[in-house]
């Protein structure tokens, strides 16, 4: 159907706080220690030691399925 998704965790890899999407910056921000992540989950700034976790996903019959750890 031409749709592709990238499923990214909203848990900061620094200390486990929840990141939020800031549309005007097109980035994910962690409010706890100023971690910043790019749209693809890579670290842009702050103390996070690694990118946001990605999950496997697939679309079947119009339903998005996500495989979690």
PDB file of N, CA and C in Angstrom:
ATOM      1  N   UNK A   1       0.803  -1.205   0.000  1.00  0.00           N
ATOM      2  CA  UNK A   1       0.000   0.000   0.000  1.00  0.00           C
ATOM      3  C   UNK A   1       0.841   1.263   0.000  1.00  0.00           C
ATOM      4  N   UNK A   2       2.174   1.117  -0.018  1.00  0.00           N
ATOM      5  CA  UNK A   2       3.052   2.259  -0.145  1.00  0.00           C
ATOM      6  C   UNK A   2       3.356   2.991   1.147  1.00  0.00           C
ATOM      7  N   UNK A   3       2.828   2.523   2.271  1.00  0.00           N
ATOM      8  CA  UNK A   3       3.090   3.188   3.538  1.00  0.00           C
ATOM      9  C   UNK A   3       4.251   2.509   4.254  1.00  0.00           C
ATOM     10  N   UNK A   4       5.179   3.331   4.747  1.00  0.00           N
ATOM     11  CA  UNK A   4       6.284   2.824   5.543  1.00  0.00           C
ATOM     12  C   UNK A   4       6.299   3.580   6.855  1.00  0.00           C
ATOM     13  N   UNK A   5       6.621   2.880   7.925  1.00  0.00           N
ATOM     14  CA  UNK A   5       6.647   3.486   9.244  1.00  0.00           C
ATOM     15  C   UNK A   5       7.968   3.181   9.921  1.00  0.00           C
ATOM     16  N   UNK A   6       8.419   4.106  10.733  1.00  0.00           N
ATOM     17  CA  UNK A   6       9.549   3.888  11.611  1.00  0.00           C
ATOM     18  C   UNK A   6       9.013   4.067  13.021  1.00  0.00           C
ATOM     19  N   UNK A   7       9.088   3.019  13.824  1.00  0.00           N
ATOM     20  CA  UNK A   7       8.536   3.064  15.172  1.00  0.00           C
ATOM     21  C   UNK A   7       9.687   3.260  16.154  1.00  0.00           C
ATOM     22  N   UNK A   8       9.624   4.380  16.879  1.00  0.00           N
ATOM     23  CA  UNK A   8      10.699   4.778  17.782  1.00  0.00           C
ATOM     24  C   UNK A   8      10.144   4.899  19.196  1.00  0.00           C
ATOM     25  N   UNK A   9      10.898   4.428  20.169  1.00  0.00           N
ATOM     26  CA  UNK A   9      10.514   4.540  21.574  1.00  0.00           C
ATOM     27  C   UNK A   9      10.485   6.005  22.004  1.00  0.00           C
ATOM     28  N   UNK A  10       9.615   6.314  22.951  1.00  0.00           N
ATOM     29  CA  UNK A  10       9.585   7.663  23.512  1.00  0.00           C
ATOM     30  C   UNK A  10      10.284   7.709  24.868  1.00  0.00           C
ATOM     31  N   UNK A  11      11.135   6.724  25.136  1.00  0.00           N
ATOM     32  CA  UNK A  11      11.885   6.660  26.391  1.00  0.00           C
ATOM     33  C   UNK A  11      13.327   7.100  26.136  1.00  0.00           C
ATOM     34  N   UNK A  12      13.740   8.163  26.825  1.00  0.00           N
ATOM     35  CA  UNK A  12      15.109   8.683  26.668  1.00  0.00           C
ATOM     36  C   UNK A  12      16.113   7.628  27.115  1.00  0.00           C
ATOM     37  N   UNK A  13      17.192   7.499  26.372  1.00  0.00           N
ATOM     38  CA  UNK A  13      18.221   6.506  26.671  1.00  0.00           C
ATOM     39  C   UNK A  13      19.172   6.970  27.769  1.00  0.00           C
ATOM     40  N   UNK A  14      18.965   8.163  28.300  1.00  0.00           N
ATOM     41  CA  UNK A  14      19.802   8.659  29.393  1.00  0.00           C
ATOM     42  C   UNK A  14      19.335   8.064  30.718  1.00  0.00           C
ATOM     43  N   UNK A  15      18.163   8.507  31.202  1.00  0.00           N
ATOM     44  CA  UNK A  15      17.663   8.007  32.485  1.00  0.00           C
ATOM     45  C   UNK A  15      16.214   7.535  32.432  1.00  0.00           C
ATOM     46  N   UNK A  16      15.685   7.341  31.229  1.00  0.00           N
ATOM     47  CA  UNK A  16      14.360   6.753  31.093  1.00  0.00           C
ATOM     48  C   UNK A  16      13.180   7.706  31.158  1.00  0.00           C
ATOM     49  N   UNK A  17      13.422   8.990  31.056  1.00  0.00           N
ATOM     50  CA  UNK A  17      12.321   9.959  31.014  1.00  0.00           C
ATOM     51  C   UNK A  17      11.618   9.850  29.658  1.00  0.00           C
ATOM     52  N   UNK A  18      10.421  10.366  29.568  1.00  0.00           N
ATOM     53  CA  UNK A  18       9.676  10.329  28.303  1.00  0.00           C
ATOM     54  C   UNK A  18       9.996  11.559  27.470  1.00  0.00           C
ATOM     55  N   UNK A  19      10.384  11.319  26.228  1.00  0.00           N
ATOM     56  CA  UNK A  19      10.647  12.428  25.305  1.00  0.00           C
ATOM     57  C   UNK A  19       9.337  12.855  24.663  1.00  0.00           C
ATOM     58  N   UNK A  20       9.314  14.060  24.142  1.00  0.00           N
ATOM     59  CA  UNK A  20       8.128  14.531  23.427  1.00  0.00           C
ATOM     60  C   UNK A  20       8.568  15.185  22.124  1.00  0.00           C
ATOM     61  N   UNK A  21       7.698  15.089  21.134  1.00  0.00           N
ATOM     62  CA  UNK A  21       7.946  15.658  19.808  1.00  0.00           C
ATOM     63  C   UNK A  21       7.659  17.153  19.857  1.00  0.00           C
ATOM     64  N   UNK A  22       8.624  17.952  19.432  1.00  0.00           N
ATOM     65  CA  UNK A  22       8.453  19.405  19.337  1.00  0.00           C
ATOM     66  C   UNK A  22       8.413  19.739  17.847  1.00  0.00           C
ATOM     67  N   UNK A  23       7.215  19.965  17.345  1.00  0.00           N
ATOM     68  CA  UNK A  23       7.005  20.139  15.902  1.00  0.00           C
ATOM     69  C   UNK A  23       7.792  21.315  15.334  1.00  0.00           C
ATOM     70  N   UNK A  24       7.826  22.435  16.049  1.00  0.00           N
ATOM     71  CA  UNK A  24       8.519  23.611  15.492  1.00  0.00           C
ATOM     72  C   UNK A  24      10.022  23.399  15.362  1.00  0.00           C
ATOM     73  N   UNK A  25      10.587  22.453  16.121  1.00  0.00           N
ATOM     74  CA  UNK A  25      12.011  22.109  16.003  1.00  0.00           C
ATOM     75  C   UNK A  25      12.237  20.860  15.156  1.00  0.00           C
ATOM     76  N   UNK A  26      11.164  20.120  14.884  1.00  0.00           N
ATOM     77  CA  UNK A  26      11.251  18.820  14.209  1.00  0.00           C
ATOM     78  C   UNK A  26      12.227  17.897  14.933  1.00  0.00           C
ATOM     79  N   UNK A  27      12.118  17.884  16.269  1.00  0.00           N
ATOM     80  CA  UNK A  27      12.989  17.059  17.100  1.00  0.00           C
ATOM     81  C   UNK A  27      12.209  16.543  18.306  1.00  0.00           C
ATOM     82  N   UNK A  28      12.758  15.478  18.909  1.00  0.00           N
ATOM     83  CA  UNK A  28      12.254  14.977  20.178  1.00  0.00           C
ATOM     84  C   UNK A  28      13.091  15.618  21.279  1.00  0.00           C
ATOM     85  N   UNK A  29      12.442  16.084  22.334  1.00  0.00           N
ATOM     86  CA  UNK A  29      13.140  16.704  23.458  1.00  0.00           C
ATOM     87  C   UNK A  29      12.830  15.945  24.737  1.00  0.00           C
ATOM     88  N   UNK A  30      13.844  15.761  25.572  1.00  0.00           N
ATOM     89  CA  UNK A  30      13.668  15.176  26.888  1.00  0.00           C
ATOM     90  C   UNK A  30      13.676  16.317  27.902  1.00  0.00           C
ATOM     91  N   UNK A  31      12.594  16.485  28.657  1.00  0.00           N
ATOM     92  CA  UNK A  31      12.513  17.596  29.592  1.00  0.00           C
ATOM     93  C   UNK A  31      13.389  17.439  30.836  1.00  0.00           C
ATOM     94  N   UNK A  32      13.880  16.249  31.113  1.00  0.00           N
ATOM     95  CA  UNK A  32      14.620  16.011  32.358  1.00  0.00           C
ATOM     96  C   UNK A  32      16.040  16.591  32.348  1.00  0.00           C
ATOM     97  N   UNK A  33      16.799  16.289  31.305  1.00  0.00           N
ATOM     98  CA  UNK A  33      18.206  16.716  31.268  1.00  0.00           C
ATOM     99  C   UNK A  33      18.591  17.299  29.910  1.00  0.00           C
ATOM    100  N   UNK A  34      17.612  17.829  29.202  1.00  0.00           N
ATOM    101  CA  UNK A  34      17.831  18.520  27.921  1.00  0.00           C
ATOM    102  C   UNK A  34      18.416  17.644  26.823  1.00  0.00           C
ATOM    103  N   UNK A  35      18.069  16.369  26.819  1.00  0.00           N
ATOM    104  CA  UNK A  35      18.445  15.509  25.702  1.00  0.00           C
ATOM    105  C   UNK A  35      17.618  15.893  24.477  1.00  0.00           C
ATOM    106  N   UNK A  36      18.247  15.868  23.307  1.00  0.00           N
ATOM    107  CA  UNK A  36      17.564  16.198  22.061  1.00  0.00           C
ATOM    108  C   UNK A  36      17.874  15.111  21.045  1.00  0.00           C
ATOM    109  N   UNK A  37      16.818  14.653  20.350  1.00  0.00           N
ATOM    110  CA  UNK A  37      16.954  13.597  19.358  1.00  0.00           C
ATOM    111  C   UNK A  37      16.381  14.071  18.029  1.00  0.00           C
ATOM    112  N   UNK A  38      17.010  13.662  16.935  1.00  0.00           N
ATOM    113  CA  UNK A  38      16.521  13.969  15.590  1.00  0.00           C
ATOM    114  C   UNK A  38      15.283  13.127  15.286  1.00  0.00           C
ATOM    115  N   UNK A  39      14.649  13.430  14.189  1.00  0.00           N
ATOM    116  CA  UNK A  39      13.437  12.722  13.752  1.00  0.00           C
ATOM    117  C   UNK A  39      13.660  11.212  13.661  1.00  0.00           C
ATOM    118  N   UNK A  40      14.879  10.793  13.316  1.00  0.00           N
ATOM    119  CA  UNK A  40      15.180   9.361  13.195  1.00  0.00           C
ATOM    120  C   UNK A  40      15.639   8.739  14.512  1.00  0.00           C
ATOM    121  N   UNK A  41      15.655   9.535  15.586  1.00  0.00           N
ATOM    122  CA  UNK A  41      16.019   9.026  16.897  1.00  0.00           C
ATOM    123  C   UNK A  41      17.477   9.177  17.277  1.00  0.00           C
ATOM    124  N   UNK A  42      18.318   9.680  16.376  1.00  0.00           N
ATOM    125  CA  UNK A  42      19.730   9.861  16.704  1.00  0.00           C
ATOM    126  C   UNK A  42      19.897  11.028  17.679  1.00  0.00           C
ATOM    127  N   UNK A  43      20.946  10.963  18.498  1.00  0.00           N
ATOM    128  CA  UNK A  43      21.206  11.996  19.493  1.00  0.00           C
ATOM    129  C   UNK A  43      21.723  13.254  18.810  1.00  0.00           C
ATOM    130  N   UNK A  44      21.102  14.385  19.136  1.00  0.00           N
ATOM    131  CA  UNK A  44      21.527  15.686  18.616  1.00  0.00           C
ATOM    132  C   UNK A  44      22.297  16.455  19.687  1.00  0.00           C
ATOM    133  N   UNK A  45      21.830  16.377  20.943  1.00  0.00           N
ATOM    134  CA  UNK A  45      22.467  17.131  22.025  1.00  0.00           C
ATOM    135  C   UNK A  45      22.127  16.495  23.369  1.00  0.00           C
ATOM    136  N   UNK A  46      22.912  16.874  24.369  1.00  0.00           N
ATOM    137  CA  UNK A  46      22.641  16.452  25.726  1.00  0.00           C
ATOM    138  C   UNK A  46      23.347  15.173  26.109  1.00  0.00           C
ATOM    139  N   UNK A  47      22.941  14.604  27.262  1.00  0.00           N
ATOM    140  CA  UNK A  47      23.656  13.450  27.816  1.00  0.00           C
ATOM    141  C   UNK A  47      23.258  12.060  27.317  1.00  0.00           C
ATOM    142  N   UNK A  48      22.215  11.887  26.493  1.00  0.00           N
ATOM    143  CA  UNK A  48      21.875  10.515  26.103  1.00  0.00           C
ATOM    144  C   UNK A  48      23.059   9.780  25.467  1.00  0.00           C
ATOM    145  N   UNK A  49      23.335   8.544  25.929  1.00  0.00           N
ATOM    146  CA  UNK A  49      24.492   7.799  25.434  1.00  0.00           C
ATOM    147  C   UNK A  49      24.285   7.120  24.079  1.00  0.00           C
ATOM    148  N   UNK A  50      23.016   7.026  23.637  1.00  0.00           N
ATOM    149  CA  UNK A  50      22.745   6.343  22.371  1.00  0.00           C
ATOM    150  C   UNK A  50      21.406   6.807  21.822  1.00  0.00           C
ATOM    151  N   UNK A  51      21.117   6.479  20.571  1.00  0.00           N
ATOM    152  CA  UNK A  51      19.837   6.879  19.956  1.00  0.00           C
ATOM    153  C   UNK A  51      18.637   6.241  20.658  1.00  0.00           C
ATOM    154  N   UNK A  52      17.462   6.763  20.353  1.00  0.00           N
ATOM    155  CA  UNK A  52      16.224   6.157  20.832  1.00  0.00           C
ATOM    156  C   UNK A  52      16.086   4.764  20.233  1.00  0.00           C
ATOM    157  N   UNK A  53      15.474   3.856  20.972  1.00  0.00           N
ATOM    158  CA  UNK A  53      15.282   2.493  20.494  1.00  0.00           C
ATOM    159  C   UNK A  53      14.259   2.457  19.363  1.00  0.00           C
ATOM    160  N   UNK A  54      14.502   1.575  18.415  1.00  0.00           N
ATOM    161  CA  UNK A  54      13.577   1.349  17.293  1.00  0.00           C
ATOM    162  C   UNK A  54      12.917  -0.009  17.482  1.00  0.00           C
ATOM    163  N   UNK A  55      11.676  -0.123  17.022  1.00  0.00           N
ATOM    164  CA  UNK A  55      10.950  -1.382  17.105  1.00  0.00           C
ATOM    165  C   UNK A  55      10.622  -1.873  15.707  1.00  0.00           C
ATOM    166  N   UNK A  56      10.633  -3.197  15.539  1.00  0.00           N
ATOM    167  CA  UNK A  56      10.194  -3.789  14.274  1.00  0.00           C
ATOM    168  C   UNK A  56       8.701  -3.538  14.122  1.00  0.00           C
ATOM    169  N   UNK A  57       8.290  -3.312  12.882  1.00  0.00           N
ATOM    170  CA  UNK A  57       6.859  -3.099  12.632  1.00  0.00           C
ATOM    171  C   UNK A  57       6.501  -3.634  11.252  1.00  0.00           C
ATOM    172  N   UNK A  58       5.204  -3.840  11.072  1.00  0.00           N
ATOM    173  CA  UNK A  58       4.695  -4.245   9.763  1.00  0.00           C
ATOM    174  C   UNK A  58       3.248  -3.787   9.668  1.00  0.00           C
ATOM    175  N   UNK A  59       2.785  -3.653   8.429  1.00  0.00           N
ATOM    176  CA  UNK A  59       1.395  -3.301   8.178  1.00  0.00           C
ATOM    177  C   UNK A  59       0.740  -4.473   7.470  1.00  0.00           C
ATOM    178  N   UNK A  60      -0.358  -4.959   8.044  1.00  0.00           N
ATOM    179  CA  UNK A  60      -1.129  -6.036   7.433  1.00  0.00           C
ATOM    180  C   UNK A  60      -2.595  -5.632   7.433  1.00  0.00           C
ATOM    181  N   UNK A  61      -3.193  -5.656   6.278  1.00  0.00           N
ATOM    182  CA  UNK A  61      -4.616  -5.317   6.140  1.00  0.00           C
ATOM    183  C   UNK A  61      -4.948  -3.970   6.771  1.00  0.00           C
ATOM    184  N   UNK A  62      -4.050  -3.007   6.600  1.00  0.00           N
ATOM    185  CA  UNK A  62      -4.292  -1.656   7.093  1.00  0.00           C
ATOM    186  C   UNK A  62      -4.060  -1.460   8.579  1.00  0.00           C
ATOM    187  N   UNK A  63      -3.510  -2.469   9.266  1.00  0.00           N
ATOM    188  CA  UNK A  63      -3.243  -2.372  10.697  1.00  0.00           C
ATOM    189  C   UNK A  63      -1.734  -2.376  10.929  1.00  0.00           C
ATOM    190  N   UNK A  64      -1.251  -1.421  11.742  1.00  0.00           N
ATOM    191  CA  UNK A  64       0.159  -1.337  12.079  1.00  0.00           C
ATOM    192  C   UNK A  64       0.426  -2.217  13.294  1.00  0.00           C
ATOM    193  N   UNK A  65       1.339  -3.180  13.136  1.00  0.00           N
ATOM    194  CA  UNK A  65       1.741  -4.060  14.227  1.00  0.00           C
ATOM    195  C   UNK A  65       3.155  -3.702  14.646  1.00  0.00           C
ATOM    196  N   UNK A  66       3.381  -3.659  15.954  1.00  0.00           N
ATOM    197  CA  UNK A  66       4.703  -3.308  16.492  1.00  0.00           C
ATOM    198  C   UNK A  66       5.199  -4.454  17.360  1.00  0.00           C
ATOM    199  N   UNK A  67       6.429  -4.898  17.084  1.00  0.00           N
ATOM    200  CA  UNK A  67       7.047  -5.950  17.883  1.00  0.00           C
ATOM    201  C   UNK A  67       7.909  -5.282  18.936  1.00  0.00           C
ATOM    202  N   UNK A  68       7.559  -5.490  20.189  1.00  0.00           N
ATOM    203  CA  UNK A  68       8.315  -4.924  21.296  1.00  0.00           C
ATOM    204  C   UNK A  68       9.198  -5.997  21.899  1.00  0.00           C
ATOM    205  N   UNK A  69      10.407  -5.563  22.373  1.00  0.00           N
ATOM    206  CA  UNK A  69      11.394  -6.417  23.018  1.00  0.00           C
ATOM    207  C   UNK A  69      10.823  -7.634  23.568  1.00  0.00           C
TER     208      UNK A  69
END
